[in-house]
Amino acid sequence: MADNTTRRTVLAGTAAGLGLLTVGTVSADEDQVRYVVTGGNPQQLEREGFTVVHEISDANVYLALGPEGADPATVNGVNSAFEDFKYELDVADEPTEAPTGELEDEQWDKDLINAFDAHEYATGAGTRIGIIDTGVYDGHPDLGNVDTDASRVFIDWDESDHTGDVQYHGTHVAGIAAATGAEGVTGVAPEAEIVSLRVFPSEGPLLASVGDTFLALDHAAKQGLDVVNMSIGSPPQPPEENQEGYRIARQRVVRSVAQRGTSVVVSAGNDSQNLQQGGWISLWGSIPRASSISATTEADELADFSNYGANEISVGAPGEGILSTFDPNNEALPGAEYASVSGTSMSAPQVAGLVGLVRELDPSANANQVENAIERGATGNGRGDPETGAGRIDALETVTSL
């Protein structure tokens, strides 16, 4: 794997959680269906009447169009296939507008994880954090570090330029990870760059497809991002006919991203569920190479909404009543630039920001080494705790141990 410093040099010139709801076939037109295929090769698929639209780098995963009722899994060399499907942005609680006064005093989460003290050693300078979400409002005074040139939108398998936030979720998540503190709030990695990877549409219901999420992950790795945050929760099972193919495809995609040097951090979900019980499957967090993050409170306890489960959680991080940046154009709180929101969606970017601090101090560390460093620095009883895995993160302990 190439040293991350080299990759950065090359590229320098250039609440609430989410739940998954299946909404049926994702159709390109009346005669074509979108399939996610693992195994085989484009030539074999083309010979059998499928059109390969995208290939996920080093994953042997393809996004292909084919006739309705066709089965790509019957093609020679193909391991599995499923019809692409969508998940829905499920906001359980409305955001609360920030109080007036010094906002830094309201950032109990950064105090608890010793982020401000850690900034004496690292601030995320030279690192890049991807946010797969609803987009990021780059006009915010504390989000002047959004790289709009590298940011992208992935909708219906098409890639387009950055256009901002279509809700408020992505802006809030981005601020937790890397708000600059220019006016109001400071993120865990205030000198990191933010790359917005929007996968939710600007019109209609907030539904994102699995295929678009794969494309966003692949783009993050191609751009050489240090970490990508996926605050997209732990959904119920997808349809039975999709489960095995879905499991294989997401394992391959996340493994490919991690092998290329980009850490993958995901939220554990907000259903108060034990993820080891039947009927639940983490969208990304239960697979190797992805860090699944539970949410904790100001009292340093597991939040009552957070999912949990032995061997399912990597670490815990503050996620209840988290103050962060807000898109003032959103109808939820018109004109508000700061708001508090609860959810594992808010705990995951705390860890994504911490990845930025680790990568600043050790640019050559691979994704597994970064995850191990964060787990070693956590405050807890070691790995395996069903509520917080290796423990609740501690930014100061993590960076000083390096």
Protein backbone atom coordinates (compact mmCIF):
# COMPACT_ATOMS: atom_id res chain seq x y z
CA MET A 1 0.00 0.00 0.00
CA ALA A 2 1.30 3.43 -0.89
CA ASP A 3 2.36 5.74 1.90
CA ASN A 4 -0.52 8.13 2.67
CA THR A 5 1.79 11.15 2.57
CA THR A 6 2.53 10.31 -1.05
CA ARG A 7 -1.15 9.98 -1.85
CA ARG A 8 -1.90 13.35 -0.26
CA THR A 9 0.89 15.01 -2.22
CA VAL A 10 -0.40 13.60 -5.49
CA LEU A 11 -3.97 14.66 -4.74
CA ALA A 12 -3.14 18.10 -3.41
CA GLY A 13 -3.29 19.62 -6.84
CA THR A 14 -6.48 18.25 -7.84
CA ALA A 15 -31.11 12.21 16.78
CA ALA A 16 -31.11 10.74 14.43
CA GLY A 17 -29.66 7.96 12.49
CA LEU A 18 -30.49 6.45 9.19
CA GLY A 19 -32.53 3.36 8.70
CA LEU A 20 -32.85 1.09 5.71
CA LEU A 21 -36.19 0.49 4.08
CA THR A 22 -36.49 -1.58 0.94
CA VAL A 23 -38.55 0.19 -1.67
CA GLY A 24 -38.49 -2.27 -4.50
CA THR A 25 -36.49 -2.47 -7.68
CA VAL A 26 -34.37 0.49 -8.68
CA SER A 27 -35.24 0.78 -12.36
CA ALA A 28 -33.21 2.65 -14.93
CA ASP A 29 -36.18 2.63 -17.32
CA GLU A 30 -39.19 0.47 -18.02
CA ASP A 31 -37.11 -2.37 -19.42
CA GLN A 32 -33.94 -2.27 -17.34
CA VAL A 33 -33.21 -3.17 -13.73
CA ARG A 34 -30.18 -2.13 -11.68
CA TYR A 35 -28.19 -5.05 -10.30
CA VAL A 36 -25.24 -5.20 -7.92
CA VAL A 37 -23.03 -8.11 -8.98
CA THR A 38 -20.05 -9.76 -7.28
CA GLY A 39 -17.63 -11.94 -9.17
CA GLY A 40 -17.31 -12.62 -12.86
CA ASN A 41 -16.04 -9.95 -15.22
CA PRO A 42 -17.54 -7.26 -17.46
CA GLN A 43 -17.03 -9.26 -20.66
CA GLN A 44 -18.98 -12.25 -19.34
CA LEU A 45 -21.81 -10.04 -18.13
CA GLU A 46 -21.96 -8.16 -21.43
CA ARG A 47 -22.14 -11.42 -23.39
CA GLU A 48 -25.18 -12.44 -21.35
CA GLY A 49 -27.03 -9.20 -22.11
CA PHE A 50 -26.05 -7.04 -19.13
CA THR A 51 -24.50 -3.58 -19.36
CA VAL A 52 -21.78 -2.87 -16.80
CA VAL A 53 -22.10 0.78 -15.75
CA HIS A 54 -19.56 0.90 -12.91
CA GLU A 55 -16.82 -1.29 -11.47
CA ILE A 56 -15.79 -0.85 -7.82
CA SER A 57 -11.99 -0.77 -7.75
CA ASP A 58 -10.27 -3.93 -6.48
CA ALA A 59 -13.55 -5.36 -5.17
CA ASN A 60 -14.78 -7.40 -8.15
CA VAL A 61 -18.15 -5.71 -7.64
CA TYR A 62 -20.10 -4.32 -10.59
CA LEU A 63 -23.17 -2.13 -11.03
CA ALA A 64 -24.94 -3.47 -14.09
CA LEU A 65 -28.17 -2.95 -15.99
CA GLY A 66 -30.17 -5.93 -17.19
CA PRO A 67 -33.63 -7.05 -18.24
CA GLU A 68 -36.25 -7.38 -15.54
CA GLY A 69 -36.40 -10.97 -14.34
CA ALA A 70 -32.85 -11.71 -15.45
CA ASP A 71 -30.49 -13.29 -12.95
CA PRO A 72 -26.85 -12.17 -13.16
CA ALA A 73 -25.96 -14.88 -10.63
CA THR A 74 -26.37 -17.46 -13.41
CA VAL A 75 -23.54 -15.90 -15.42
CA ASN A 76 -20.35 -17.96 -15.38
CA GLY A 77 -17.98 -16.73 -12.65
CA VAL A 78 -20.52 -14.58 -10.81
CA ASN A 79 -20.69 -15.32 -7.08
CA SER A 80 -23.89 -13.44 -6.23
CA ALA A 81 -26.16 -10.64 -7.35
CA PHE A 82 -29.10 -8.62 -6.09
CA GLU A 83 -31.38 -5.87 -7.31
CA ASP A 84 -30.21 -2.51 -6.02
CA PHE A 85 -32.44 -1.11 -3.28
CA LYS A 86 -32.74 2.05 -1.22
CA TYR A 87 -32.58 3.13 2.40
CA GLU A 88 -34.43 6.02 3.95
CA LEU A 89 -33.18 8.88 6.09
CA ASP A 90 -35.14 8.39 9.29
CA VAL A 91 -34.96 11.40 11.62
CA ALA A 92 -36.58 10.38 14.89
CA ASP A 93 -36.24 13.68 16.79
CA GLU A 94 -36.24 17.27 15.68
CA PRO A 95 -33.03 19.27 16.20
CA THR A 96 -32.86 21.85 18.98
CA GLU A 97 -31.50 25.31 18.24
CA ALA A 98 -28.30 26.20 20.06
CA PRO A 99 -28.38 28.51 23.09
CA THR A 100 -26.93 32.00 22.87
CA GLY A 101 -23.53 32.76 24.37
CA GLU A 102 -20.16 31.08 24.10
CA LEU A 103 -20.85 27.89 22.19
CA GLU A 104 -17.56 26.27 23.18
CA ASP A 105 -18.89 26.10 26.72
CA GLU A 106 -21.74 23.95 25.39
CA GLN A 107 -19.42 21.42 23.75
CA TRP A 108 -19.42 18.97 26.64
CA ASP A 109 -18.66 16.15 24.23
CA LYS A 110 -15.29 17.60 23.20
CA ASP A 111 -14.44 18.23 26.86
CA LEU A 112 -15.37 14.67 27.81
CA ILE A 113 -13.16 13.07 25.17
CA ASN A 114 -10.35 15.60 25.83
CA ALA A 115 -10.40 16.80 22.24
CA PHE A 116 -9.38 20.37 23.07
CA ASP A 117 -6.37 19.12 25.04
CA ALA A 118 -5.48 16.77 22.21
CA HIS A 119 -5.26 19.76 19.86
CA GLU A 120 -1.98 20.67 21.52
CA TYR A 121 -0.56 17.60 19.77
CA ALA A 122 -2.66 17.23 16.61
CA THR A 123 -5.48 19.07 14.82
CA GLY A 124 -5.95 16.89 11.75
CA ALA A 125 -3.75 19.13 9.59
CA GLY A 126 -3.05 17.56 6.21
CA THR A 127 -5.79 14.94 6.54
CA ARG A 128 -9.09 14.58 4.70
CA ILE A 129 -12.43 13.35 6.04
CA GLY A 130 -15.22 12.13 3.78
CA ILE A 131 -18.87 12.51 4.83
CA ILE A 132 -21.30 10.11 3.10
CA ASP A 133 -24.60 11.73 3.96
CA THR A 134 -27.13 14.35 2.83
CA GLY A 135 -24.38 16.74 1.74
CA VAL A 136 -22.54 19.53 3.56
CA TYR A 137 -23.41 23.25 3.58
CA ASP A 138 -20.06 24.81 2.67
CA GLY A 139 -21.27 28.38 3.35
CA HIS A 140 -21.19 27.86 7.11
CA PRO A 141 -18.62 30.06 8.90
CA ASP A 142 -17.17 27.03 10.71
CA LEU A 143 -17.02 24.87 7.59
CA GLY A 144 -14.60 26.85 5.48
CA ASN A 145 -12.54 23.67 5.18
CA VAL A 146 -14.95 21.89 2.82
CA ASP A 147 -13.12 20.85 -0.36
CA THR A 148 -15.85 21.62 -2.86
CA ASP A 149 -13.74 20.48 -5.81
CA ALA A 150 -13.29 16.97 -4.42
CA SER A 151 -16.87 16.75 -3.08
CA ARG A 152 -19.38 14.84 -5.17
CA VAL A 153 -23.02 13.81 -5.48
CA PHE A 154 -23.98 10.22 -6.35
CA ILE A 155 -27.63 9.81 -7.37
CA ASP A 156 -29.05 6.99 -9.52
CA TRP A 157 -25.52 5.82 -10.33
CA ASP A 158 -24.60 9.21 -11.79
CA GLU A 159 -21.77 11.35 -10.39
CA SER A 160 -22.06 15.14 -10.32
CA ASP A 161 -20.46 18.15 -8.65
CA HIS A 162 -20.99 19.25 -5.06
CA THR A 163 -24.24 21.16 -4.45
CA GLY A 164 -24.51 21.53 -0.66
CA ASP A 165 -26.86 19.87 1.84
CA VAL A 166 -30.38 18.70 0.97
CA GLN A 167 -31.31 18.41 4.64
CA TYR A 168 -29.19 19.29 7.71
CA HIS A 169 -27.85 15.92 8.78
CA GLY A 170 -24.63 15.94 6.77
CA THR A 171 -23.76 19.48 7.83
CA HIS A 172 -24.24 18.57 11.48
CA VAL A 173 -22.14 15.42 11.14
CA ALA A 174 -19.34 17.27 9.32
CA GLY A 175 -19.09 19.88 12.08
CA ILE A 176 -18.71 17.24 14.78
CA ALA A 177 -15.79 15.74 12.91
CA ALA A 178 -14.01 18.86 11.69
CA ALA A 179 -15.63 22.26 12.32
CA THR A 180 -12.89 24.88 12.28
CA GLY A 181 -14.03 26.89 15.31
CA ALA A 182 -13.77 30.12 13.29
CA GLU A 183 -16.93 31.50 14.92
CA GLY A 184 -18.87 28.97 16.95
CA VAL A 185 -17.96 25.31 17.39
CA THR A 186 -14.81 23.23 17.00
CA GLY A 187 -14.66 19.68 15.67
CA VAL A 188 -12.37 16.88 16.74
CA ALA A 189 -10.06 17.59 13.77
CA PRO A 190 -10.50 21.32 13.07
CA GLU A 191 -7.68 21.57 10.53
CA ALA A 192 -8.72 18.57 8.45
CA GLU A 193 -10.35 18.99 5.06
CA ILE A 194 -13.95 17.86 4.63
CA VAL A 195 -15.10 16.10 1.46
CA SER A 196 -18.88 15.86 1.07
CA LEU A 197 -20.18 12.71 -0.63
CA ARG A 198 -23.92 13.19 -0.97
CA VAL A 199 -26.03 10.11 -1.74
CA PHE A 200 -29.52 11.50 -1.01
CA PRO A 201 -31.60 13.26 -3.68
CA SER A 202 -32.59 16.90 -3.60
CA GLU A 203 -36.21 16.20 -4.49
CA GLY A 204 -38.75 13.67 -3.24
CA PRO A 205 -38.23 11.37 -0.27
CA LEU A 206 -34.73 11.08 1.18
CA LEU A 207 -33.89 7.66 -0.25
CA ALA A 208 -30.34 6.59 -1.12
CA SER A 209 -29.42 3.45 -3.01
CA VAL A 210 -26.86 0.87 -1.98
CA GLY A 211 -25.19 1.26 -5.37
CA ASP A 212 -24.74 5.01 -4.90
CA THR A 213 -23.25 4.39 -1.46
CA PHE A 214 -20.76 1.95 -3.00
CA LEU A 215 -19.78 4.61 -5.53
CA ALA A 216 -19.27 7.17 -2.77
CA LEU A 217 -17.05 4.74 -0.85
CA ASP A 218 -15.03 4.00 -3.96
CA HIS A 219 -14.61 7.73 -4.66
CA ALA A 220 -13.35 8.25 -1.10
CA ALA A 221 -10.64 5.66 -1.61
CA LYS A 222 -9.74 6.95 -5.06
CA GLN A 223 -9.33 10.44 -3.60
CA GLY A 224 -7.03 9.04 -0.92
CA LEU A 225 -9.20 10.22 1.96
CA ASP A 226 -7.94 9.28 5.41
CA VAL A 227 -11.39 8.30 6.65
CA VAL A 228 -14.98 8.21 5.47
CA ASN A 229 -17.86 8.65 7.92
CA MET A 230 -21.11 6.79 7.29
CA SER A 231 -23.78 7.84 9.75
CA ILE A 232 -26.32 5.48 8.22
CA GLY A 233 -27.22 3.26 11.14
CA SER A 234 -28.18 -0.38 11.52
CA PRO A 235 -31.23 -1.35 9.50
CA PRO A 236 -33.62 -4.30 9.61
CA GLN A 237 -32.81 -7.14 7.24
CA PRO A 238 -33.08 -6.43 3.51
CA PRO A 239 -35.38 -8.75 1.53
CA GLU A 240 -34.47 -12.40 1.90
CA GLU A 241 -33.49 -12.76 -1.74
CA ASN A 242 -31.01 -9.87 -1.34
CA GLN A 243 -29.34 -10.82 1.93
CA GLU A 244 -26.45 -13.05 0.85
CA GLY A 245 -25.50 -11.01 -2.19
CA TYR A 246 -25.72 -7.83 -0.15
CA ARG A 247 -23.49 -9.27 2.57
CA ILE A 248 -20.83 -10.35 0.10
CA ALA A 249 -20.87 -7.10 -1.87
CA ARG A 250 -20.57 -4.77 1.09
CA GLN A 251 -17.77 -6.87 2.60
CA ARG A 252 -15.83 -6.66 -0.64
CA VAL A 253 -16.39 -2.93 -1.08
CA VAL A 254 -15.42 -1.98 2.49
CA ARG A 255 -12.38 -4.28 2.36
CA SER A 256 -11.29 -2.64 -0.89
CA VAL A 257 -11.64 0.85 0.59
CA ALA A 258 -9.71 -0.07 3.74
CA GLN A 259 -6.95 -1.80 1.79
CA ARG A 260 -6.45 1.41 -0.16
CA GLY A 261 -5.82 3.26 3.10
CA THR A 262 -9.19 4.85 3.91
CA SER A 263 -10.68 4.04 7.31
CA VAL A 264 -14.45 3.38 7.37
CA VAL A 265 -16.39 4.63 10.42
CA VAL A 266 -20.12 3.92 10.78
CA SER A 267 -22.87 4.63 13.28
CA ALA A 268 -24.28 1.63 15.16
CA GLY A 269 -27.93 2.70 14.87
CA ASN A 270 -30.62 4.11 17.14
CA ASP A 271 -33.03 1.26 17.83
CA SER A 272 -31.98 0.34 21.39
CA GLN A 273 -31.30 -3.14 20.03
CA ASN A 274 -28.79 -5.85 20.74
CA LEU A 275 -27.24 -6.36 17.31
CA GLN A 276 -26.46 -9.98 18.13
CA GLN A 277 -30.14 -10.85 18.24
CA GLY A 278 -31.81 -12.33 15.20
CA GLY A 279 -33.54 -10.12 12.67
CA TRP A 280 -30.99 -7.30 12.79
CA ILE A 281 -28.05 -6.69 10.53
CA SER A 282 -25.70 -3.74 10.57
CA LEU A 283 -25.57 -2.01 7.22
CA TRP A 284 -21.81 -1.73 7.42
CA GLY A 285 -20.58 -1.99 11.00
CA SER A 286 -20.79 -5.75 11.50
CA ILE A 287 -18.28 -6.50 8.76
CA PRO A 288 -14.48 -6.58 9.01
CA ARG A 289 -12.58 -3.35 8.29
CA ALA A 290 -15.43 -1.07 9.46
CA SER A 291 -15.56 0.57 12.91
CA SER A 292 -19.06 0.58 14.41
CA ILE A 293 -19.70 3.34 16.96
CA SER A 294 -22.26 3.37 19.78
CA ALA A 295 -23.51 6.58 21.42
CA THR A 296 -22.82 7.69 24.98
CA THR A 297 -24.19 10.47 27.19
CA GLU A 298 -22.74 13.36 29.17
CA ALA A 299 -22.90 11.04 32.19
CA ASP A 300 -20.61 8.65 30.29
CA GLU A 301 -23.26 5.98 29.95
CA LEU A 302 -24.73 4.26 26.90
CA ALA A 303 -27.47 6.42 25.41
CA ASP A 304 -30.88 4.78 25.72
CA PHE A 305 -31.44 4.94 21.94
CA SER A 306 -28.09 3.41 20.97
CA ASN A 307 -27.72 -0.05 19.56
CA TYR A 308 -25.15 -2.29 21.23
CA GLY A 309 -23.85 -5.85 21.17
CA ALA A 310 -20.79 -7.83 22.17
CA ASN A 311 -18.30 -8.01 19.29
CA GLU A 312 -20.50 -5.62 17.27
CA ILE A 313 -19.25 -2.28 18.67
CA SER A 314 -15.71 -0.98 18.15
CA VAL A 315 -15.84 1.97 20.54
CA GLY A 316 -18.37 4.37 22.01
CA ALA A 317 -18.44 8.16 21.61
CA PRO A 318 -20.69 11.04 22.74
CA GLY A 319 -23.92 11.09 20.76
CA GLU A 320 -26.68 12.57 22.93
CA GLY A 321 -27.50 16.27 22.57
CA ILE A 322 -24.45 17.10 20.46
CA LEU A 323 -24.00 20.74 19.44
CA SER A 324 -22.69 21.25 15.92
CA THR A 325 -23.01 23.18 12.69
CA PHE A 326 -26.40 23.48 10.99
CA ASP A 327 -27.62 24.46 7.54
CA PRO A 328 -29.61 27.70 8.02
CA ASN A 329 -31.52 27.00 4.80
CA ASN A 330 -33.17 23.92 6.27
CA GLU A 331 -36.85 24.23 7.12
CA ALA A 332 -36.42 22.39 10.43
CA LEU A 333 -34.78 25.46 12.02
CA PRO A 334 -34.75 28.26 9.42
CA GLY A 335 -31.86 30.64 9.90
CA ALA A 336 -30.14 28.57 12.60
CA GLU A 337 -26.42 28.01 12.15
CA TYR A 338 -25.99 25.77 15.20
CA ALA A 339 -28.18 23.07 16.72
CA SER A 340 -28.09 20.05 19.01
CA VAL A 341 -29.04 16.62 17.68
CA SER A 342 -28.92 13.14 19.23
CA GLY A 343 -28.04 9.82 17.66
CA THR A 344 -25.28 7.39 16.84
CA SER A 345 -25.08 9.53 13.72
CA MET A 346 -23.45 12.07 16.03
CA SER A 347 -21.11 9.60 17.77
CA ALA A 348 -19.54 8.21 14.59
CA PRO A 349 -18.03 11.53 13.38
CA GLN A 350 -16.34 11.98 16.76
CA VAL A 351 -14.33 8.90 15.83
CA ALA A 352 -13.88 9.97 12.21
CA GLY A 353 -12.33 13.20 13.48
CA LEU A 354 -10.07 11.23 15.81
CA VAL A 355 -8.86 9.21 12.82
CA GLY A 356 -7.74 12.53 11.37
CA LEU A 357 -5.64 13.24 14.45
CA VAL A 358 -4.05 9.80 14.32
CA ARG A 359 -3.27 10.05 10.61
CA GLU A 360 -1.69 13.47 11.07
CA LEU A 361 0.74 12.00 13.59
CA ASP A 362 1.26 8.73 11.69
CA PRO A 363 0.48 9.27 7.98
CA SER A 364 1.69 5.81 7.02
CA ALA A 365 -0.62 3.95 9.41
CA ASN A 366 -3.06 1.65 7.64
CA ALA A 367 -6.76 1.44 8.51
CA ASN A 368 -6.28 -1.47 10.91
CA GLN A 369 -3.45 0.29 12.73
CA VAL A 370 -5.54 3.45 13.09
CA GLU A 371 -8.46 1.50 14.53
CA ASN A 372 -6.16 -0.27 16.99
CA ALA A 373 -4.67 3.04 18.15
CA ILE A 374 -8.12 4.47 18.84
CA GLU A 375 -9.21 1.34 20.70
CA ARG A 376 -6.04 1.34 22.81
CA GLY A 377 -6.64 4.96 23.78
CA ALA A 378 -10.27 4.40 24.77
CA THR A 379 -11.44 4.63 28.36
CA GLY A 380 -12.86 1.23 29.23
CA ASN A 381 -12.17 -2.35 30.15
CA GLY A 382 -10.73 -3.46 26.86
CA ARG A 383 -12.37 -4.93 23.79
CA GLY A 384 -15.61 -6.84 23.87
CA ASP A 385 -17.83 -4.68 26.07
CA PRO A 386 -21.34 -4.94 24.56
CA GLU A 387 -22.06 -1.23 25.08
CA THR A 388 -18.85 0.51 24.02
CA GLY A 389 -16.55 -2.17 22.65
CA ALA A 390 -13.03 -1.16 23.66
CA GLY A 391 -14.46 1.77 25.61
CA ARG A 392 -15.44 5.42 25.15
CA ILE A 393 -12.90 7.28 23.02
CA ASP A 394 -10.30 9.59 24.58
CA ALA A 395 -8.59 11.85 22.04
CA LEU A 396 -5.80 12.96 24.34
CA GLU A 397 -4.89 9.44 25.43
CA THR A 398 -4.94 8.30 21.80
CA VAL A 399 -2.63 10.98 20.44
CA THR A 400 -0.20 10.94 23.34
CA SER A 401 0.16 7.18 23.06
CA LEU A 402 1.48 7.71 19.55
